[in-house]
């Protein structure tokens, strides 16, 4: 099975020894996307709403770079520092992902890199 690394300047660069995403012949696997503004390299101030939009736009940019889009997501995993943010994030999620929705898991975690309060990874068909 061959694989190729996906990278775009429209999403934040990896902050460690990993790729933004890796594609096989049929699937795209993204790394977890933090709410980093690719223009500044920083997590924006404001509410979870602001940061959730950055996470989803970063995933969208990576998917587009690989030749797919959010409609082709088959699985997402959402990590939240506070599960009480789930309903707000869920509403924003529905702005980006349409029926048939991808399978999804959501977890509250003790901590995320860079002190973020949200992170999401996804698997897409190509």
PDB file of N, CA and C in Angstrom:
ATOM      1  N   UNK A   1       0.841  -1.166   0.000  1.00  0.00           N
ATOM      2  CA  UNK A   1       0.000   0.000   0.000  1.00  0.00           C
ATOM      3  C   UNK A   1       0.894   1.239   0.000  1.00  0.00           C
ATOM      4  N   UNK A   2       0.683   2.109  -0.959  1.00  0.00           N
ATOM      5  CA  UNK A   2       1.458   3.341  -0.989  1.00  0.00           C
ATOM      6  C   UNK A   2       0.745   4.410  -0.172  1.00  0.00           C
ATOM      7  N   UNK A   3       1.536   5.360   0.284  1.00  0.00           N
ATOM      8  CA  UNK A   3       0.949   6.469   1.029  1.00  0.00           C
ATOM      9  C   UNK A   3       1.655   7.744   0.616  1.00  0.00           C
ATOM     10  N   UNK A   4       0.929   8.861   0.768  1.00  0.00           N
ATOM     11  CA  UNK A   4       1.531  10.154   0.477  1.00  0.00           C
ATOM     12  C   UNK A   4       1.170  11.122   1.597  1.00  0.00           C
ATOM     13  N   UNK A   5       2.092  11.998   1.862  1.00  0.00           N
ATOM     14  CA  UNK A   5       1.895  13.004   2.899  1.00  0.00           C
ATOM     15  C   UNK A   5       1.134  14.175   2.300  1.00  0.00           C
ATOM     16  N   UNK A   6       0.157  14.670   3.035  1.00  0.00           N
ATOM     17  CA  UNK A   6      -0.625  15.829   2.629  1.00  0.00           C
ATOM     18  C   UNK A   6      -0.206  17.001   3.509  1.00  0.00           C
ATOM     19  N   UNK A   7       0.083  18.131   2.884  1.00  0.00           N
ATOM     20  CA  UNK A   7       0.450  19.337   3.624  1.00  0.00           C
ATOM     21  C   UNK A   7      -0.080  20.555   2.880  1.00  0.00           C
ATOM     22  N   UNK A   8      -0.610  21.488   3.634  1.00  0.00           N
ATOM     23  CA  UNK A   8      -1.104  22.735   3.064  1.00  0.00           C
ATOM     24  C   UNK A   8      -0.763  23.889   3.993  1.00  0.00           C
ATOM     25  N   UNK A   9      -0.488  25.034   3.423  1.00  0.00           N
ATOM     26  CA  UNK A   9      -0.255  26.243   4.215  1.00  0.00           C
ATOM     27  C   UNK A   9      -1.566  26.837   4.714  1.00  0.00           C
ATOM     28  N   UNK A  10      -2.701  26.318   4.239  1.00  0.00           N
ATOM     29  CA  UNK A  10      -4.018  26.807   4.657  1.00  0.00           C
ATOM     30  C   UNK A  10      -4.479  26.189   5.975  1.00  0.00           C
ATOM     31  N   UNK A  11      -3.651  25.344   6.552  1.00  0.00           N
ATOM     32  CA  UNK A  11      -3.888  24.764   7.875  1.00  0.00           C
ATOM     33  C   UNK A  11      -2.567  24.871   8.630  1.00  0.00           C
ATOM     34  N   UNK A  12      -2.621  24.845   9.962  1.00  0.00           N
ATOM     35  CA  UNK A  12      -1.369  25.002  10.713  1.00  0.00           C
ATOM     36  C   UNK A  12      -0.396  23.858  10.465  1.00  0.00           C
ATOM     37  N   UNK A  13       0.875  24.204  10.455  1.00  0.00           N
ATOM     38  CA  UNK A  13       1.920  23.193  10.294  1.00  0.00           C
ATOM     39  C   UNK A  13       1.937  22.292  11.521  1.00  0.00           C
ATOM     40  N   UNK A  14       2.426  21.095  11.329  1.00  0.00           N
ATOM     41  CA  UNK A  14       2.565  20.160  12.446  1.00  0.00           C
ATOM     42  C   UNK A  14       3.483  20.765  13.500  1.00  0.00           C
ATOM     43  N   UNK A  15       3.142  20.535  14.777  1.00  0.00           N
ATOM     44  CA  UNK A  15       3.959  21.075  15.870  1.00  0.00           C
ATOM     45  C   UNK A  15       4.889  20.012  16.448  1.00  0.00           C
ATOM     46  N   UNK A  16       5.047  18.916  15.730  1.00  0.00           N
ATOM     47  CA  UNK A  16       5.910  17.827  16.171  1.00  0.00           C
ATOM     48  C   UNK A  16       6.257  16.939  14.996  1.00  0.00           C
ATOM     49  N   UNK A  17       6.806  15.763  15.274  1.00  0.00           N
ATOM     50  CA  UNK A  17       7.216  14.851  14.209  1.00  0.00           C
ATOM     51  C   UNK A  17       6.040  14.033  13.666  1.00  0.00           C
ATOM     52  N   UNK A  18       5.140  14.703  12.982  1.00  0.00           N
ATOM     53  CA  UNK A  18       3.987  14.055  12.349  1.00  0.00           C
ATOM     54  C   UNK A  18       3.550  14.882  11.155  1.00  0.00           C
ATOM     55  N   UNK A  19       2.671  14.331  10.343  1.00  0.00           N
ATOM     56  CA  UNK A  19       2.150  15.000   9.145  1.00  0.00           C
ATOM     57  C   UNK A  19       0.770  15.574   9.418  1.00  0.00           C
ATOM     58  N   UNK A  20       0.386  16.609   8.685  1.00  0.00           N
ATOM     59  CA  UNK A  20      -0.984  17.106   8.779  1.00  0.00           C
ATOM     60  C   UNK A  20      -1.958  15.981   8.434  1.00  0.00           C
ATOM     61  N   UNK A  21      -1.597  15.212   7.420  1.00  0.00           N
ATOM     62  CA  UNK A  21      -2.433  14.081   7.012  1.00  0.00           C
ATOM     63  C   UNK A  21      -1.615  13.132   6.156  1.00  0.00           C
ATOM     64  N   UNK A  22      -2.115  11.904   6.064  1.00  0.00           N
ATOM     65  CA  UNK A  22      -1.524  10.892   5.199  1.00  0.00           C
ATOM     66  C   UNK A  22      -2.650  10.257   4.406  1.00  0.00           C
ATOM     67  N   UNK A  23      -2.414  10.122   3.090  1.00  0.00           N
ATOM     68  CA  UNK A  23      -3.414   9.516   2.210  1.00  0.00           C
ATOM     69  C   UNK A  23      -2.916   8.182   1.692  1.00  0.00           C
ATOM     70  N   UNK A  24      -3.842   7.239   1.612  1.00  0.00           N
ATOM     71  CA  UNK A  24      -3.595   5.986   0.896  1.00  0.00           C
ATOM     72  C   UNK A  24      -4.352   6.105  -0.424  1.00  0.00           C
ATOM     73  N   UNK A  25      -4.492   5.003  -1.133  1.00  0.00           N
ATOM     74  CA  UNK A  25      -5.215   5.067  -2.403  1.00  0.00           C
ATOM     75  C   UNK A  25      -6.675   5.489  -2.217  1.00  0.00           C
ATOM     76  N   UNK A  26      -7.282   5.110  -1.099  1.00  0.00           N
ATOM     77  CA  UNK A  26      -8.716   5.330  -0.918  1.00  0.00           C
ATOM     78  C   UNK A  26      -9.105   6.150   0.298  1.00  0.00           C
ATOM     79  N   UNK A  27      -8.170   6.354   1.225  1.00  0.00           N
ATOM     80  CA  UNK A  27      -8.519   7.027   2.475  1.00  0.00           C
ATOM     81  C   UNK A  27      -7.521   8.128   2.830  1.00  0.00           C
ATOM     82  N   UNK A  28      -8.022   9.135   3.514  1.00  0.00           N
ATOM     83  CA  UNK A  28      -7.210  10.218   4.048  1.00  0.00           C
ATOM     84  C   UNK A  28      -7.369  10.210   5.566  1.00  0.00           C
ATOM     85  N   UNK A  29      -6.254  10.212   6.281  1.00  0.00           N
ATOM     86  CA  UNK A  29      -6.240  10.228   7.740  1.00  0.00           C
ATOM     87  C   UNK A  29      -5.597  11.537   8.184  1.00  0.00           C
ATOM     88  N   UNK A  30      -6.348  12.368   8.890  1.00  0.00           N
ATOM     89  CA  UNK A  30      -5.763  13.620   9.374  1.00  0.00           C
ATOM     90  C   UNK A  30      -5.228  13.447  10.781  1.00  0.00           C
ATOM     91  N   UNK A  31      -4.233  14.240  11.090  1.00  0.00           N
ATOM     92  CA  UNK A  31      -3.807  14.362  12.476  1.00  0.00           C
ATOM     93  C   UNK A  31      -4.826  15.233  13.184  1.00  0.00           C
ATOM     94  N   UNK A  32      -4.810  15.204  14.489  1.00  0.00           N
ATOM     95  CA  UNK A  32      -5.712  16.062  15.249  1.00  0.00           C
ATOM     96  C   UNK A  32      -5.442  17.515  14.927  1.00  0.00           C
ATOM     97  N   UNK A  33      -6.500  18.244  14.660  1.00  0.00           N
ATOM     98  CA  UNK A  33      -6.374  19.664  14.347  1.00  0.00           C
ATOM     99  C   UNK A  33      -6.786  20.500  15.540  1.00  0.00           C
ATOM    100  N   UNK A  34      -5.849  21.316  15.976  1.00  0.00           N
ATOM    101  CA  UNK A  34      -6.104  22.261  17.054  1.00  0.00           C
ATOM    102  C   UNK A  34      -6.692  23.535  16.448  1.00  0.00           C
ATOM    103  N   UNK A  35      -7.246  24.400  17.274  1.00  0.00           N
ATOM    104  CA  UNK A  35      -7.823  25.636  16.755  1.00  0.00           C
ATOM    105  C   UNK A  35      -6.756  26.705  16.521  1.00  0.00           C
ATOM    106  N   UNK A  36      -5.784  26.377  15.712  1.00  0.00           N
ATOM    107  CA  UNK A  36      -4.692  27.305  15.421  1.00  0.00           C
ATOM    108  C   UNK A  36      -5.022  28.067  14.147  1.00  0.00           C
ATOM    109  N   UNK A  37      -4.861  29.370  14.211  1.00  0.00           N
ATOM    110  CA  UNK A  37      -5.028  30.216  13.029  1.00  0.00           C
ATOM    111  C   UNK A  37      -3.769  30.038  12.180  1.00  0.00           C
ATOM    112  N   UNK A  38      -3.891  29.487  10.950  1.00  0.00           N
ATOM    113  CA  UNK A  38      -2.687  29.256  10.150  1.00  0.00           C
ATOM    114  C   UNK A  38      -1.958  30.543   9.774  1.00  0.00           C
ATOM    115  N   UNK A  39      -2.652  31.676   9.788  1.00  0.00           N
ATOM    116  CA  UNK A  39      -2.023  32.955   9.442  1.00  0.00           C
ATOM    117  C   UNK A  39      -1.108  33.453  10.554  1.00  0.00           C
ATOM    118  N   UNK A  40      -1.454  33.139  11.805  1.00  0.00           N
ATOM    119  CA  UNK A  40      -0.671  33.649  12.938  1.00  0.00           C
ATOM    120  C   UNK A  40       0.096  32.553  13.669  1.00  0.00           C
ATOM    121  N   UNK A  41      -0.340  31.309  13.507  1.00  0.00           N
ATOM    122  CA  UNK A  41       0.272  30.200  14.237  1.00  0.00           C
ATOM    123  C   UNK A  41      -0.134  30.150  15.692  1.00  0.00           C
ATOM    124  N   UNK A  42      -1.186  30.893  16.033  1.00  0.00           N
ATOM    125  CA  UNK A  42      -1.624  30.957  17.432  1.00  0.00           C
ATOM    126  C   UNK A  42      -3.085  30.522  17.574  1.00  0.00           C
ATOM    127  N   UNK A  43      -3.429  30.112  18.776  1.00  0.00           N
ATOM    128  CA  UNK A  43      -4.818  29.799  19.109  1.00  0.00           C
ATOM    129  C   UNK A  43      -5.518  31.131  19.375  1.00  0.00           C
ATOM    130  N   UNK A  44      -6.628  31.397  18.691  1.00  0.00           N
ATOM    131  CA  UNK A  44      -7.292  32.684  18.858  1.00  0.00           C
ATOM    132  C   UNK A  44      -7.985  32.824  20.210  1.00  0.00           C
ATOM    133  N   UNK A  45      -8.081  34.056  20.649  1.00  0.00           N
ATOM    134  CA  UNK A  45      -8.828  34.379  21.862  1.00  0.00           C
ATOM    135  C   UNK A  45     -10.314  34.261  21.545  1.00  0.00           C
ATOM    136  N   UNK A  46     -11.124  34.266  22.558  1.00  0.00           N
ATOM    137  CA  UNK A  46     -12.568  34.239  22.357  1.00  0.00           C
ATOM    138  C   UNK A  46     -13.172  32.964  22.887  1.00  0.00           C
ATOM    139  N   UNK A  47     -14.365  32.705  22.425  1.00  0.00           N
ATOM    140  CA  UNK A  47     -15.140  31.572  22.919  1.00  0.00           C
ATOM    141  C   UNK A  47     -14.792  30.283  22.181  1.00  0.00           C
ATOM    142  N   UNK A  48     -15.338  29.197  22.674  1.00  0.00           N
ATOM    143  CA  UNK A  48     -15.209  27.902  22.006  1.00  0.00           C
ATOM    144  C   UNK A  48     -15.768  27.972  20.597  1.00  0.00           C
ATOM    145  N   UNK A  49     -16.735  28.837  20.352  1.00  0.00           N
ATOM    146  CA  UNK A  49     -17.321  29.001  19.016  1.00  0.00           C
ATOM    147  C   UNK A  49     -16.244  29.425  18.023  1.00  0.00           C
ATOM    148  N   UNK A  50     -15.473  30.417  18.375  1.00  0.00           N
ATOM    149  CA  UNK A  50     -14.399  30.911  17.506  1.00  0.00           C
ATOM    150  C   UNK A  50     -13.408  29.793  17.221  1.00  0.00           C
ATOM    151  N   UNK A  51     -12.999  29.102  18.251  1.00  0.00           N
ATOM    152  CA  UNK A  51     -11.980  28.060  18.086  1.00  0.00           C
ATOM    153  C   UNK A  51     -12.511  26.841  17.340  1.00  0.00           C
ATOM    154  N   UNK A  52     -13.755  26.478  17.537  1.00  0.00           N
ATOM    155  CA  UNK A  52     -14.334  25.345  16.807  1.00  0.00           C
ATOM    156  C   UNK A  52     -14.318  25.618  15.296  1.00  0.00           C
ATOM    157  N   UNK A  53     -14.654  26.837  14.908  1.00  0.00           N
ATOM    158  CA  UNK A  53     -14.619  27.175  13.479  1.00  0.00           C
ATOM    159  C   UNK A  53     -13.216  26.998  12.906  1.00  0.00           C
ATOM    160  N   UNK A  54     -12.190  27.367  13.668  1.00  0.00           N
ATOM    161  CA  UNK A  54     -10.820  27.166  13.190  1.00  0.00           C
ATOM    162  C   UNK A  54     -10.507  25.688  13.006  1.00  0.00           C
ATOM    163  N   UNK A  55     -10.927  24.856  13.938  1.00  0.00           N
ATOM    164  CA  UNK A  55     -10.687  23.416  13.828  1.00  0.00           C
ATOM    165  C   UNK A  55     -11.330  22.873  12.549  1.00  0.00           C
ATOM    166  N   UNK A  56     -12.579  23.213  12.317  1.00  0.00           N
ATOM    167  CA  UNK A  56     -13.289  22.680  11.151  1.00  0.00           C
ATOM    168  C   UNK A  56     -12.733  23.245   9.849  1.00  0.00           C
ATOM    169  N   UNK A  57     -12.353  24.508   9.831  1.00  0.00           N
ATOM    170  CA  UNK A  57     -11.758  25.083   8.612  1.00  0.00           C
ATOM    171  C   UNK A  57     -10.388  24.470   8.335  1.00  0.00           C
ATOM    172  N   UNK A  58      -9.622  24.173   9.391  1.00  0.00           N
ATOM    173  CA  UNK A  58      -8.324  23.524   9.190  1.00  0.00           C
ATOM    174  C   UNK A  58      -8.506  22.127   8.593  1.00  0.00           C
ATOM    175  N   UNK A  59      -9.474  21.374   9.106  1.00  0.00           N
ATOM    176  CA  UNK A  59      -9.750  20.054   8.529  1.00  0.00           C
ATOM    177  C   UNK A  59     -10.196  20.176   7.081  1.00  0.00           C
ATOM    178  N   UNK A  60     -11.024  21.167   6.820  1.00  0.00           N
ATOM    179  CA  UNK A  60     -11.524  21.392   5.458  1.00  0.00           C
ATOM    180  C   UNK A  60     -10.359  21.690   4.507  1.00  0.00           C
ATOM    181  N   UNK A  61      -9.415  22.517   4.929  1.00  0.00           N
ATOM    182  CA  UNK A  61      -8.274  22.866   4.082  1.00  0.00           C
ATOM    183  C   UNK A  61      -7.415  21.639   3.777  1.00  0.00           C
ATOM    184  N   UNK A  62      -7.206  20.802   4.761  1.00  0.00           N
ATOM    185  CA  UNK A  62      -6.414  19.583   4.546  1.00  0.00           C
ATOM    186  C   UNK A  62      -7.144  18.646   3.592  1.00  0.00           C
ATOM    187  N   UNK A  63      -8.431  18.474   3.804  1.00  0.00           N
ATOM    188  CA  UNK A  63      -9.220  17.610   2.912  1.00  0.00           C
ATOM    189  C   UNK A  63      -9.140  18.114   1.475  1.00  0.00           C
ATOM    190  N   UNK A  64      -9.286  19.412   1.289  1.00  0.00           N
ATOM    191  CA  UNK A  64      -9.233  19.977  -0.059  1.00  0.00           C
ATOM    192  C   UNK A  64      -7.869  19.774  -0.699  1.00  0.00           C
ATOM    193  N   UNK A  65      -6.819  19.918   0.077  1.00  0.00           N
ATOM    194  CA  UNK A  65      -5.465  19.706  -0.444  1.00  0.00           C
ATOM    195  C   UNK A  65      -5.296  18.265  -0.944  1.00  0.00           C
ATOM    196  N   UNK A  66      -5.981  17.336  -0.299  1.00  0.00           N
ATOM    197  CA  UNK A  66      -5.898  15.918  -0.681  1.00  0.00           C
ATOM    198  C   UNK A  66      -6.860  15.565  -1.813  1.00  0.00           C
ATOM    199  N   UNK A  67      -7.706  16.512  -2.215  1.00  0.00           N
ATOM    200  CA  UNK A  67      -8.645  16.244  -3.304  1.00  0.00           C
ATOM    201  C   UNK A  67      -9.992  15.726  -2.842  1.00  0.00           C
ATOM    202  N   UNK A  68     -10.345  15.966  -1.602  1.00  0.00           N
ATOM    203  CA  UNK A  68     -11.643  15.539  -1.093  1.00  0.00           C
ATOM    204  C   UNK A  68     -12.284  16.718  -0.360  1.00  0.00           C
ATOM    205  N   UNK A  69     -13.338  16.463   0.382  1.00  0.00           N
ATOM    206  CA  UNK A  69     -14.005  17.538   1.116  1.00  0.00           C
ATOM    207  C   UNK A  69     -14.707  16.957   2.336  1.00  0.00           C
ATOM    208  N   UNK A  70     -15.260  17.829   3.150  1.00  0.00           N
ATOM    209  CA  UNK A  70     -15.891  17.386   4.390  1.00  0.00           C
ATOM    210  C   UNK A  70     -17.055  16.432   4.157  1.00  0.00           C
ATOM    211  N   UNK A  71     -17.708  16.520   3.006  1.00  0.00           N
ATOM    212  CA  UNK A  71     -18.814  15.600   2.708  1.00  0.00           C
ATOM    213  C   UNK A  71     -18.350  14.156   2.608  1.00  0.00           C
ATOM    214  N   UNK A  72     -17.052  13.951   2.421  1.00  0.00           N
ATOM    215  CA  UNK A  72     -16.516  12.601   2.297  1.00  0.00           C
ATOM    216  C   UNK A  72     -15.903  12.085   3.598  1.00  0.00           C
ATOM    217  N   UNK A  73     -16.139  12.786   4.697  1.00  0.00           N
ATOM    218  CA  UNK A  73     -15.667  12.293   5.996  1.00  0.00           C
ATOM    219  C   UNK A  73     -16.487  11.060   6.379  1.00  0.00           C
ATOM    220  N   UNK A  74     -15.800  10.020   6.822  1.00  0.00           N
ATOM    221  CA  UNK A  74     -16.495   8.804   7.264  1.00  0.00           C
ATOM    222  C   UNK A  74     -16.399   8.608   8.771  1.00  0.00           C
ATOM    223  N   UNK A  75     -15.409   9.262   9.425  1.00  0.00           N
ATOM    224  CA  UNK A  75     -15.243   9.116  10.868  1.00  0.00           C
ATOM    225  C   UNK A  75     -14.539  10.347  11.400  1.00  0.00           C
ATOM    226  N   UNK A  76     -15.065  10.894  12.489  1.00  0.00           N
ATOM    227  CA  UNK A  76     -14.392  11.989  13.179  1.00  0.00           C
ATOM    228  C   UNK A  76     -14.257  11.629  14.654  1.00  0.00           C
ATOM    229  N   UNK A  77     -13.219  12.180  15.258  1.00  0.00           N
ATOM    230  CA  UNK A  77     -13.034  12.035  16.697  1.00  0.00           C
ATOM    231  C   UNK A  77     -12.801  13.428  17.258  1.00  0.00           C
ATOM    232  N   UNK A  78     -13.640  13.805  18.203  1.00  0.00           N
ATOM    233  CA  UNK A  78     -13.631  15.131  18.793  1.00  0.00           C
ATOM    234  C   UNK A  78     -13.141  15.044  20.238  1.00  0.00           C
ATOM    235  N   UNK A  79     -12.188  15.886  20.569  1.00  0.00           N
ATOM    236  CA  UNK A  79     -11.640  15.947  21.921  1.00  0.00           C
ATOM    237  C   UNK A  79     -11.948  17.326  22.495  1.00  0.00           C
ATOM    238  N   UNK A  80     -12.546  17.361  23.663  1.00  0.00           N
ATOM    239  CA  UNK A  80     -12.897  18.616  24.321  1.00  0.00           C
ATOM    240  C   UNK A  80     -12.292  18.654  25.718  1.00  0.00           C
ATOM    241  N   UNK A  81     -11.783  19.806  26.111  1.00  0.00           N
ATOM    242  CA  UNK A  81     -11.300  19.974  27.472  1.00  0.00           C
ATOM    243  C   UNK A  81     -12.475  20.020  28.451  1.00  0.00           C
ATOM    244  N   UNK A  82     -13.645  20.438  27.960  1.00  0.00           N
ATOM    245  CA  UNK A  82     -14.847  20.522  28.794  1.00  0.00           C
ATOM    246  C   UNK A  82     -16.036  19.964  28.011  1.00  0.00           C
ATOM    247  N   UNK A  83     -16.541  18.824  28.406  1.00  0.00           N
ATOM    248  CA  UNK A  83     -17.654  18.192  27.693  1.00  0.00           C
ATOM    249  C   UNK A  83     -18.904  19.069  27.713  1.00  0.00           C
ATOM    250  N   UNK A  84     -18.956  20.047  28.599  1.00  0.00           N
ATOM    251  CA  UNK A  84     -20.080  20.987  28.605  1.00  0.00           C
ATOM    252  C   UNK A  84     -20.113  21.848  27.344  1.00  0.00           C
ATOM    253  N   UNK A  85     -19.011  21.887  26.593  1.00  0.00           N
ATOM    254  CA  UNK A  85     -18.968  22.605  25.316  1.00  0.00           C
ATOM    255  C   UNK A  85     -19.558  21.776  24.170  1.00  0.00           C
ATOM    256  N   UNK A  86     -19.927  20.535  24.443  1.00  0.00           N
ATOM    257  CA  UNK A  86     -20.363  19.623  23.384  1.00  0.00           C
ATOM    258  C   UNK A  86     -21.535  20.170  22.573  1.00  0.00           C
ATOM    259  N   UNK A  87     -22.570  20.670  23.213  1.00  0.00           N
ATOM    260  CA  UNK A  87     -23.751  21.131  22.474  1.00  0.00           C
ATOM    261  C   UNK A  87     -23.428  22.305  21.561  1.00  0.00           C
ATOM    262  N   UNK A  88     -22.633  23.237  22.042  1.00  0.00           N
ATOM    263  CA  UNK A  88     -22.238  24.385  21.219  1.00  0.00           C
ATOM    264  C   UNK A  88     -21.419  23.910  20.022  1.00  0.00           C
ATOM    265  N   UNK A  89     -20.447  23.059  20.268  1.00  0.00           N
ATOM    266  CA  UNK A  89     -19.603  22.541  19.191  1.00  0.00           C
ATOM    267  C   UNK A  89     -20.436  21.695  18.232  1.00  0.00           C
ATOM    268  N   UNK A  90     -21.377  20.939  18.750  1.00  0.00           N
ATOM    269  CA  UNK A  90     -22.245  20.110  17.914  1.00  0.00           C
ATOM    270  C   UNK A  90     -23.025  20.960  16.915  1.00  0.00           C
ATOM    271  N   UNK A  91     -23.500  22.108  17.344  1.00  0.00           N
ATOM    272  CA  UNK A  91     -24.229  23.015  16.453  1.00  0.00           C
ATOM    273  C   UNK A  91     -23.321  23.509  15.328  1.00  0.00           C
ATOM    274  N   UNK A  92     -22.102  23.861  15.670  1.00  0.00           N
ATOM    275  CA  UNK A  92     -21.150  24.319  14.659  1.00  0.00           C
ATOM    276  C   UNK A  92     -20.746  23.166  13.745  1.00  0.00           C
ATOM    277  N   UNK A  93     -20.567  22.000  14.309  1.00  0.00           N
ATOM    278  CA  UNK A  93     -20.241  20.792  13.537  1.00  0.00           C
ATOM    279  C   UNK A  93     -21.256  20.596  12.409  1.00  0.00           C
ATOM    280  N   UNK A  94     -22.533  20.790  12.723  1.00  0.00           N
ATOM    281  CA  UNK A  94     -23.606  20.592  11.734  1.00  0.00           C
ATOM    282  C   UNK A  94     -23.565  21.634  10.625  1.00  0.00           C
ATOM    283  N   UNK A  95     -22.845  22.722  10.804  1.00  0.00           N
ATOM    284  CA  UNK A  95     -22.665  23.702   9.729  1.00  0.00           C
ATOM    285  C   UNK A  95     -21.661  23.198   8.695  1.00  0.00           C
ATOM    286  N   UNK A  96     -20.747  22.349   9.109  1.00  0.00           N
ATOM    287  CA  UNK A  96     -19.672  21.877   8.237  1.00  0.00           C
ATOM    288  C   UNK A  96     -19.914  20.477   7.682  1.00  0.00           C
ATOM    289  N   UNK A  97     -20.562  19.629   8.454  1.00  0.00           N
ATOM    290  CA  UNK A  97     -20.805  18.251   8.042  1.00  0.00           C
ATOM    291  C   UNK A  97     -22.289  18.073   7.786  1.00  0.00           C
ATOM    292  N   UNK A  98     -22.617  17.469   6.637  1.00  0.00           N
ATOM    293  CA  UNK A  98     -24.014  17.290   6.225  1.00  0.00           C
ATOM    294  C   UNK A  98     -24.362  15.804   6.189  1.00  0.00           C
ATOM    295  N   UNK A  99     -25.658  15.520   6.132  1.00  0.00           N
ATOM    296  CA  UNK A  99     -26.121  14.130   6.047  1.00  0.00           C
ATOM    297  C   UNK A  99     -25.681  13.511   4.734  1.00  0.00           C
ATOM    298  N   UNK A 100     -25.339  12.262   4.724  1.00  0.00           N
ATOM    299  CA  UNK A 100     -25.223  11.395   5.894  1.00  0.00           C
ATOM    300  C   UNK A 100     -23.978  11.771   6.695  1.00  0.00           C
ATOM    301  N   UNK A 101     -24.174  12.038   7.972  1.00  0.00           N
ATOM    302  CA  UNK A 101     -23.086  12.474   8.836  1.00  0.00           C
ATOM    303  C   UNK A 101     -22.068  11.348   9.021  1.00  0.00           C
ATOM    304  N   UNK A 102     -20.796  11.731   9.209  1.00  0.00           N
ATOM    305  CA  UNK A 102     -19.803  10.700   9.503  1.00  0.00           C
ATOM    306  C   UNK A 102     -20.042  10.100  10.884  1.00  0.00           C
ATOM    307  N   UNK A 103     -19.532   8.908  11.088  1.00  0.00           N
ATOM    308  CA  UNK A 103     -19.519   8.338  12.434  1.00  0.00           C
ATOM    309  C   UNK A 103     -18.646   9.257  13.291  1.00  0.00           C
ATOM    310  N   UNK A 104     -18.952   9.326  14.590  1.00  0.00           N
ATOM    311  CA  UNK A 104     -18.195  10.254  15.435  1.00  0.00           C
ATOM    312  C   UNK A 104     -18.085   9.726  16.854  1.00  0.00           C
ATOM    313  N   UNK A 105     -16.940  10.003  17.447  1.00  0.00           N
ATOM    314  CA  UNK A 105     -16.731   9.810  18.879  1.00  0.00           C
ATOM    315  C   UNK A 105     -16.389  11.171  19.460  1.00  0.00           C
ATOM    316  N   UNK A 106     -16.761  11.396  20.708  1.00  0.00           N
ATOM    317  CA  UNK A 106     -16.427  12.647  21.386  1.00  0.00           C
ATOM    318  C   UNK A 106     -16.006  12.326  22.813  1.00  0.00           C
ATOM    319  N   UNK A 107     -14.941  12.968  23.243  1.00  0.00           N
ATOM    320  CA  UNK A 107     -14.388  12.693  24.559  1.00  0.00           C
ATOM    321  C   UNK A 107     -14.023  13.981  25.270  1.00  0.00           C
ATOM    322  N   UNK A 108     -14.199  13.993  26.578  1.00  0.00           N
ATOM    323  CA  UNK A 108     -13.582  15.020  27.404  1.00  0.00           C
ATOM    324  C   UNK A 108     -12.214  14.483  27.789  1.00  0.00           C
ATOM    325  N   UNK A 109     -11.204  15.325  27.638  1.00  0.00           N
ATOM    326  CA  UNK A 109      -9.837  14.918  27.962  1.00  0.00           C
ATOM    327  C   UNK A 109      -9.253  15.854  29.019  1.00  0.00           C
ATOM    328  N   UNK A 110      -8.247  15.372  29.713  1.00  0.00           N
ATOM    329  CA  UNK A 110      -7.647  16.158  30.790  1.00  0.00           C
ATOM    330  C   UNK A 110      -6.882  17.365  30.262  1.00  0.00           C
ATOM    331  N   UNK A 111      -6.249  17.210  29.110  1.00  0.00           N
ATOM    332  CA  UNK A 111      -5.461  18.308  28.542  1.00  0.00           C
ATOM    333  C   UNK A 111      -5.231  18.050  27.066  1.00  0.00           C
ATOM    334  N   UNK A 112      -5.050  19.137  26.312  1.00  0.00           N
ATOM    335  CA  UNK A 112      -4.730  19.076  24.889  1.00  0.00           C
ATOM    336  C   UNK A 112      -3.457  19.885  24.637  1.00  0.00           C
ATOM    337  N   UNK A 113      -2.752  19.601  23.551  1.00  0.00           N
ATOM    338  CA  UNK A 113      -1.527  20.360  23.263  1.00  0.00           C
ATOM    339  C   UNK A 113      -1.782  21.869  23.210  1.00  0.00           C
ATOM    340  N   UNK A 114      -0.788  22.617  23.626  1.00  0.00           N
ATOM    341  CA  UNK A 114      -0.794  24.081  23.605  1.00  0.00           C
ATOM    342  C   UNK A 114      -1.906  24.690  24.449  1.00  0.00           C
ATOM    343  N   UNK A 115      -2.483  23.907  25.353  1.00  0.00           N
ATOM    344  CA  UNK A 115      -3.552  24.412  26.199  1.00  0.00           C
ATOM    345  C   UNK A 115      -4.870  24.604  25.481  1.00  0.00           C
ATOM    346  N   UNK A 116      -5.024  23.979  24.312  1.00  0.00           N
ATOM    347  CA  UNK A 116      -6.263  24.110  23.534  1.00  0.00           C
ATOM    348  C   UNK A 116      -7.427  23.479  24.282  1.00  0.00           C
ATOM    349  N   UNK A 117      -8.630  23.901  23.910  1.00  0.00           N
ATOM    350  CA  UNK A 117      -9.830  23.323  24.522  1.00  0.00           C
ATOM    351  C   UNK A 117     -10.621  22.450  23.560  1.00  0.00           C
ATOM    352  N   UNK A 118     -10.133  22.316  22.322  1.00  0.00           N
ATOM    353  CA  UNK A 118     -10.794  21.492  21.314  1.00  0.00           C
ATOM    354  C   UNK A 118      -9.753  20.991  20.322  1.00  0.00           C
ATOM    355  N   UNK A 119      -9.961  19.758  19.853  1.00  0.00           N
ATOM    356  CA  UNK A 119      -9.134  19.151  18.812  1.00  0.00           C
ATOM    357  C   UNK A 119      -9.991  18.129  18.103  1.00  0.00           C
ATOM    358  N   UNK A 120      -9.792  17.967  16.797  1.00  0.00           N
ATOM    359  CA  UNK A 120     -10.541  16.955  16.064  1.00  0.00           C
ATOM    360  C   UNK A 120      -9.669  16.351  14.963  1.00  0.00           C
ATOM    361  N   UNK A 121      -9.861  15.043  14.770  1.00  0.00           N
ATOM    362  CA  UNK A 121      -9.220  14.325  13.664  1.00  0.00           C
ATOM    363  C   UNK A 121     -10.313  13.689  12.837  1.00  0.00           C
ATOM    364  N   UNK A 122      -9.980  13.317  11.606  1.00  0.00           N
ATOM    365  CA  UNK A 122     -10.998  12.745  10.727  1.00  0.00           C
ATOM    366  C   UNK A 122     -10.379  11.762   9.751  1.00  0.00           C
ATOM    367  N   UNK A 123     -11.239  10.885   9.244  1.00  0.00           N
ATOM    368  CA  UNK A 123     -10.883   9.960   8.171  1.00  0.00           C
ATOM    369  C   UNK A 123     -11.860  10.255   7.035  1.00  0.00           C
ATOM    370  N   UNK A 124     -11.315  10.369   5.815  1.00  0.00           N
ATOM    371  CA  UNK A 124     -12.098  10.705   4.629  1.00  0.00           C
ATOM    372  C   UNK A 124     -11.915   9.638   3.548  1.00  0.00           C
ATOM    373  N   UNK A 125     -12.901   9.486   2.704  1.00  0.00           N
ATOM    374  CA  UNK A 125     -12.701   8.723   1.486  1.00  0.00           C
ATOM    375  C   UNK A 125     -12.144   9.653   0.427  1.00  0.00           C
ATOM    376  N   UNK A 126     -11.369   9.088  -0.475  1.00  0.00           N
ATOM    377  CA  UNK A 126     -10.800   9.867  -1.589  1.00  0.00           C
ATOM    378  C   UNK A 126     -11.472   9.480  -2.892  1.00  0.00           C
TER     379      UNK A 126
END
